[in-house]
PDB file of N, CA and C in Angstrom:
ATOM      1  N   MET A   1     121.204  97.517 119.796  1.00  0.00           N
ATOM      2  CA  MET A   1     121.847  96.449 120.965  1.00  0.00           C
ATOM      3  C   MET A   1     120.613  96.367 122.009  1.00  0.00           C
ATOM      4  N   LYS A   2     120.354  97.517 122.137  1.00  0.00           N
ATOM      5  CA  LYS A   2     119.675  97.666 123.173  1.00  0.00           C
ATOM      6  C   LYS A   2     118.384  96.449 123.294  1.00  0.00           C
ATOM      7  N   LYS A   3     117.267  97.048 122.210  1.00  0.00           N
ATOM      8  CA  LYS A   3     116.629  96.084 122.421  1.00  0.00           C
ATOM      9  C   LYS A   3     116.857  95.185 121.801  1.00  0.00           C
ATOM     10  N   SER A   4     117.959  94.243 121.402  1.00  0.00           N
ATOM     11  CA  SER A   4     117.485  93.000 120.823  1.00  0.00           C
ATOM     12  C   SER A   4     118.190  92.685 122.689  1.00  0.00           C
ATOM     13  N   LYS A   5     118.820  92.732 123.255  1.00  0.00           N
ATOM     14  CA  LYS A   5     118.616  91.929 124.426  1.00  0.00           C
ATOM     15  C   LYS A   5     117.876  92.709 125.585  1.00  0.00           C
ATOM     16  N   ALA A   6     116.775  92.877 125.413  1.00  0.00           N
ATOM     17  CA  ALA A   6     115.765  93.641 126.253  1.00  0.00           C
ATOM     18  C   ALA A   6     114.890  92.394 125.303  1.00  0.00           C
ATOM     19  N   PHE A   7     114.942  92.291 123.600  1.00  0.00           N
ATOM     20  CA  PHE A   7     113.665  90.950 123.017  1.00  0.00           C
ATOM     21  C   PHE A   7     113.898  90.166 123.920  1.00  0.00           C
ATOM     22  N   GLN A   8     115.427  89.490 123.528  1.00  0.00           N
ATOM     23  CA  GLN A   8     115.016  87.967 123.574  1.00  0.00           C
ATOM     24  C   GLN A   8     115.322  88.085 125.885  1.00  0.00           C
ATOM     25  N   ALA A   9     115.280  88.771 126.275  1.00  0.00           N
ATOM     26  CA  ALA A   9     115.441  89.112 128.012  1.00  0.00           C
ATOM     27  C   ALA A   9     113.521  88.675 128.531  1.00  0.00           C
ATOM     28  N   LEU A  10     113.302  89.391 126.998  1.00  0.00           N
ATOM     29  CA  LEU A  10     111.353  89.073 127.475  1.00  0.00           C
ATOM     30  C   LEU A  10     111.060  87.779 126.994  1.00  0.00           C
ATOM     31  N   PHE A  11     111.210  86.911 126.222  1.00  0.00           N
ATOM     32  CA  PHE A  11     111.892  85.560 125.904  1.00  0.00           C
ATOM     33  C   PHE A  11     111.791  84.555 126.026  1.00  0.00           C
ATOM     34  N   VAL A  12     112.658  84.617 127.195  1.00  0.00           N
ATOM     35  CA  VAL A  12     113.239  83.636 128.518  1.00  0.00           C
ATOM     36  C   VAL A  12     112.869  83.892 129.384  1.00  0.00           C
ATOM     37  N   SER A  13     112.353  84.582 129.972  1.00  0.00           N
ATOM     38  CA  SER A  13     111.093  85.163 131.068  1.00  0.00           C
ATOM     39  C   SER A  13     109.479  85.842 130.174  1.00  0.00           C
ATOM     40  N   MET A  14     109.297  84.816 128.807  1.00  0.00           N
ATOM     41  CA  MET A  14     107.899  84.603 128.704  1.00  0.00           C
ATOM     42  C   MET A  14     107.270  83.686 129.436  1.00  0.00           C
ATOM     43  N   ASP A  15     105.954  84.080 129.612  1.00  0.00           N
ATOM     44  CA  ASP A  15     104.764  83.474 130.140  1.00  0.00           C
ATOM     45  C   ASP A  15     103.267  83.982 129.528  1.00  0.00           C
ATOM     46  N   ILE A  16     102.418  82.980 129.655  1.00  0.00           N
ATOM     47  CA  ILE A  16     101.352  84.035 129.538  1.00  0.00           C
ATOM     48  C   ILE A  16     100.848  85.254 129.984  1.00  0.00           C
ATOM     49  N   ALA A  17     101.116  84.444 131.415  1.00  0.00           N
ATOM     50  CA  ALA A  17     100.485  86.395 131.972  1.00  0.00           C
ATOM     51  C   ALA A  17     100.906  87.543 131.042  1.00  0.00           C
ATOM     52  N   ARG A  18     102.174  87.464 130.799  1.00  0.00           N
ATOM     53  CA  ARG A  18     102.834  88.470 130.550  1.00  0.00           C
ATOM     54  C   ARG A  18     103.129  88.771 128.662  1.00  0.00           C
ATOM     55  N   LYS A  19     101.869  87.555 128.500  1.00  0.00           N
ATOM     56  CA  LYS A  19     101.720  87.982 126.680  1.00  0.00           C
ATOM     57  C   LYS A  19     100.644  89.472 126.596  1.00  0.00           C
ATOM     58  N   PRO A  20     100.327  89.289 127.070  1.00  0.00           N
ATOM     59  CA  PRO A  20      99.360  91.077 126.505  1.00  0.00           C
ATOM     60  C   PRO A  20     100.839  91.775 126.308  1.00  0.00           C
ATOM     61  N   GLU A  21     101.422  92.139 127.520  1.00  0.00           N
ATOM     62  CA  GLU A  21     102.525  92.890 127.860  1.00  0.00           C
ATOM     63  C   GLU A  21     102.862  92.945 126.800  1.00  0.00           C
ATOM     64  N   PHE A  22     103.655  91.421 125.736  1.00  0.00           N
ATOM     65  CA  PHE A  22     104.423  92.080 124.985  1.00  0.00           C
ATOM     66  C   PHE A  22     103.643  92.034 123.197  1.00  0.00           C
ATOM     67  N   GLU A  23     102.341  92.018 123.394  1.00  0.00           N
ATOM     68  CA  GLU A  23     101.601  92.590 122.277  1.00  0.00           C
ATOM     69  C   GLU A  23     101.888  93.467 122.489  1.00  0.00           C
ATOM     70  N   ASN A  24     101.340  94.470 123.283  1.00  0.00           N
ATOM     71  CA  ASN A  24     101.425  96.047 123.444  1.00  0.00           C
ATOM     72  C   ASN A  24     101.991  96.315 122.548  1.00  0.00           C
ATOM     73  N   TRP A  25     103.994  95.996 123.653  1.00  0.00           N
ATOM     74  CA  TRP A  25     105.500  96.510 122.646  1.00  0.00           C
ATOM     75  C   TRP A  25     105.169  96.071 121.911  1.00  0.00           C
ATOM     76  N   GLU A  26     105.277  95.712 121.396  1.00  0.00           N
ATOM     77  CA  GLU A  26     105.255  95.122 120.180  1.00  0.00           C
ATOM     78  C   GLU A  26     104.641  95.677 118.131  1.00  0.00           C
ATOM     79  N   ASP A  27     103.616  96.345 119.329  1.00  0.00           N
ATOM     80  CA  ASP A  27     102.118  97.008 118.600  1.00  0.00           C
ATOM     81  C   ASP A  27     102.619  98.590 118.327  1.00  0.00           C
ATOM     82  N   LYS A  28     102.762  98.351 119.280  1.00  0.00           N
ATOM     83  CA  LYS A  28     103.325  99.902 119.730  1.00  0.00           C
ATOM     84  C   LYS A  28     105.468  99.713 118.599  1.00  0.00           C
ATOM     85  N   VAL A  29     105.676  99.154 118.687  1.00  0.00           N
ATOM     86  CA  VAL A  29     106.817  99.223 117.568  1.00  0.00           C
ATOM     87  C   VAL A  29     106.355  99.516 116.632  1.00  0.00           C
ATOM     88  N   SER A  30     105.496  98.490 116.197  1.00  0.00           N
ATOM     89  CA  SER A  30     105.628  98.220 114.754  1.00  0.00           C
ATOM     90  C   SER A  30     104.577  99.549 114.730  1.00  0.00           C
ATOM     91  N   LEU A  31     104.035 100.654 115.364  1.00  0.00           N
ATOM     92  CA  LEU A  31     103.328 102.404 114.738  1.00  0.00           C
ATOM     93  C   LEU A  31     105.273 102.943 114.650  1.00  0.00           C
ATOM     94  N   LYS A  32     106.045 102.157 115.164  1.00  0.00           N
ATOM     95  CA  LYS A  32     106.504 103.713 115.662  1.00  0.00           C
ATOM     96  C   LYS A  32     107.911 103.515 114.437  1.00  0.00           C
ATOM     97  N   GLN A  33     108.038 102.109 113.372  1.00  0.00           N
ATOM     98  CA  GLN A  33     108.352 101.445 112.745  1.00  0.00           C
ATOM     99  C   GLN A  33     107.084 102.977 111.100  1.00  0.00           C
ATOM    100  N   SER A  34     106.225 102.072 111.536  1.00  0.00           N
ATOM    101  CA  SER A  34     105.455 103.177 110.192  1.00  0.00           C
ATOM    102  C   SER A  34     105.160 103.812 110.187  1.00  0.00           C
ATOM    103  N   VAL A  35     105.027 104.565 111.156  1.00  0.00           N
ATOM    104  CA  VAL A  35     105.083 106.500 111.009  1.00  0.00           C
ATOM    105  C   VAL A  35     106.972 106.907 110.487  1.00  0.00           C
ATOM    106  N   VAL A  36     107.668 106.056 110.860  1.00  0.00           N
ATOM    107  CA  VAL A  36     109.321 106.297 110.167  1.00  0.00           C
ATOM    108  C   VAL A  36     109.543 106.180 109.039  1.00  0.00           C
ATOM    109  N   TYR A  37     108.678 105.221 108.025  1.00  0.00           N
ATOM    110  CA  TYR A  37     108.719 104.746 106.839  1.00  0.00           C
ATOM    111  C   TYR A  37     107.875 106.044 106.418  1.00  0.00           C
ATOM    112  N   GLU A  38     106.778 106.100 106.355  1.00  0.00           N
ATOM    113  CA  GLU A  38     106.106 107.049 105.866  1.00  0.00           C
ATOM    114  C   GLU A  38     106.755 108.489 105.706  1.00  0.00           C
ATOM    115  N   LEU A  39     106.890 108.702 107.092  1.00  0.00           N
ATOM    116  CA  LEU A  39     107.737 110.090 107.046  1.00  0.00           C
ATOM    117  C   LEU A  39     108.539 110.094 105.634  1.00  0.00           C
ATOM    118  N   LEU A  40     109.524 108.963 106.495  1.00  0.00           N
ATOM    119  CA  LEU A  40     110.446 109.094 104.772  1.00  0.00           C
ATOM    120  C   LEU A  40     109.897 109.014 103.310  1.00  0.00           C
ATOM    121  N   TYR A  41     109.364 108.378 103.144  1.00  0.00           N
ATOM    122  CA  TYR A  41     108.254 108.270 101.869  1.00  0.00           C
ATOM    123  C   TYR A  41     107.860 109.340 101.401  1.00  0.00           C
ATOM    124  N   LEU A  42     107.029 110.661 102.262  1.00  0.00           N
ATOM    125  CA  LEU A  42     106.460 112.011 102.026  1.00  0.00           C
ATOM    126  C   LEU A  42     108.207 113.126 102.075  1.00  0.00           C
ATOM    127  N   GLN A  43     109.269 112.281 102.796  1.00  0.00           N
ATOM    128  CA  GLN A  43     109.906 113.212 102.364  1.00  0.00           C
ATOM    129  C   GLN A  43     110.516 113.196 100.847  1.00  0.00           C
ATOM    130  N   GLY A  44     110.560 112.137 100.993  1.00  0.00           N
ATOM    131  CA  GLY A  44     111.535 111.680  99.257  1.00  0.00           C
ATOM    132  C   GLY A  44     110.695 112.061  98.254  1.00  0.00           C
ATOM    133  N   LEU A  45     109.722 112.162  98.198  1.00  0.00           N
ATOM    134  CA  LEU A  45     108.367 112.329  97.702  1.00  0.00           C
ATOM    135  C   LEU A  45     108.353 114.118  97.104  1.00  0.00           C
ATOM    136  N   LYS A  46     108.687 114.936  98.255  1.00  0.00           N
ATOM    137  CA  LYS A  46     109.126 116.390  98.261  1.00  0.00           C
ATOM    138  C   LYS A  46     110.136 117.325  98.335  1.00  0.00           C
ATOM    139  N   ASP A  47     111.182 115.822  98.148  1.00  0.00           N
ATOM    140  CA  ASP A  47     112.378 116.221  97.102  1.00  0.00           C
ATOM    141  C   ASP A  47     112.410 116.039  96.042  1.00  0.00           C
ATOM    142  N   GLY A  48     111.668 114.605  95.830  1.00  0.00           N
ATOM    143  CA  GLY A  48     112.111 114.329  94.306  1.00  0.00           C
ATOM    144  C   GLY A  48     110.524 116.076  93.753  1.00  0.00           C
ATOM    145  N   MET A  49     110.395 116.289  93.963  1.00  0.00           N
ATOM    146  CA  MET A  49     109.430 117.005  93.252  1.00  0.00           C
ATOM    147  C   MET A  49     110.398 118.571  93.110  1.00  0.00           C
ATOM    148  N   GLN A  50     110.671 118.382  93.627  1.00  0.00           N
ATOM    149  CA  GLN A  50     111.840 119.762  94.385  1.00  0.00           C
ATOM    150  C   GLN A  50     112.550 119.744  92.590  1.00  0.00           C
ATOM    151  N   LEU A  51     112.961 118.197  93.555  1.00  0.00           N
ATOM    152  CA  LEU A  51     114.022 118.019  91.921  1.00  0.00           C
ATOM    153  C   LEU A  51     113.869 117.832  90.455  1.00  0.00           C
ATOM    154  N   ALA A  52     112.480 117.499  90.584  1.00  0.00           N
ATOM    155  CA  ALA A  52     111.714 117.793  88.751  1.00  0.00           C
ATOM    156  C   ALA A  52     111.322 119.059  88.210  1.00  0.00           C
ATOM    157  N   ASN A  53     111.002 120.358  89.614  1.00  0.00           N
ATOM    158  CA  ASN A  53     111.387 120.995  89.675  1.00  0.00           C
ATOM    159  C   ASN A  53     111.910 122.458  89.076  1.00  0.00           C
ATOM    160  N   ALA A  54     113.239 121.888  89.642  1.00  0.00           N
ATOM    161  CA  ALA A  54     114.629 122.421  89.132  1.00  0.00           C
ATOM    162  C   ALA A  54     114.576 122.183  87.643  1.00  0.00           C
ATOM    163  N   PHE A  55     114.885 120.908  86.788  1.00  0.00           N
ATOM    164  CA  PHE A  55     115.061 120.763  85.871  1.00  0.00           C
ATOM    165  C   PHE A  55     113.913 120.508  84.875  1.00  0.00           C
ATOM    166  N   ALA A  56     112.758 120.589  85.602  1.00  0.00           N
ATOM    167  CA  ALA A  56     111.350 120.834  84.328  1.00  0.00           C
ATOM    168  C   ALA A  56     111.949 122.436  83.532  1.00  0.00           C
ATOM    169  N   PRO A  57     112.604 123.653  83.810  1.00  0.00           N
ATOM    170  CA  PRO A  57     113.341 124.942  82.946  1.00  0.00           C
ATOM    171  C   PRO A  57     113.635 124.384  82.047  1.00  0.00           C
ATOM    172  N   SER A  58     115.431 123.297  82.503  1.00  0.00           N
ATOM    173  CA  SER A  58     115.753 123.761  81.161  1.00  0.00           C
ATOM    174  C   SER A  58     115.336 122.903  80.008  1.00  0.00           C
ATOM    175  N   VAL A  59     114.439 121.383  80.780  1.00  0.00           N
ATOM    176  CA  VAL A  59     114.280 120.082  79.968  1.00  0.00           C
ATOM    177  C   VAL A  59     112.884 120.714  79.453  1.00  0.00           C
ATOM    178  N   LEU A  60     112.733 121.307  79.856  1.00  0.00           N
ATOM    179  CA  LEU A  60     111.042 122.435  78.069  1.00  0.00           C
ATOM    180  C   LEU A  60     112.202 122.678  76.864  1.00  0.00           C
ATOM    181  N   SER A  61     112.814 123.781  76.849  1.00  0.00           N
ATOM    182  CA  SER A  61     114.013 125.340  76.791  1.00  0.00           C
ATOM    183  C   SER A  61     114.634 124.570  75.902  1.00  0.00           C
ATOM    184  N   ASP A  62     115.077 122.948  76.039  1.00  0.00           N
ATOM    185  CA  ASP A  62     116.365 122.070  74.908  1.00  0.00           C
ATOM    186  C   ASP A  62     115.042 122.023  73.908  1.00  0.00           C
TER     187      ASP A  62
END
């Protein structure tokens, strides 16, 4: 909600002089979101490997 209001306020007062500031902010947000998605992916991969390892002995013994 706070981000949404800040984003709207930025567009209302947008002028050419402030465009580089907006682009800088947009790049930072995009980078932060990419890092979060990468960490979530790596955690999912790690969890999946642990799960596969936990079931591997029972699958092989059947």
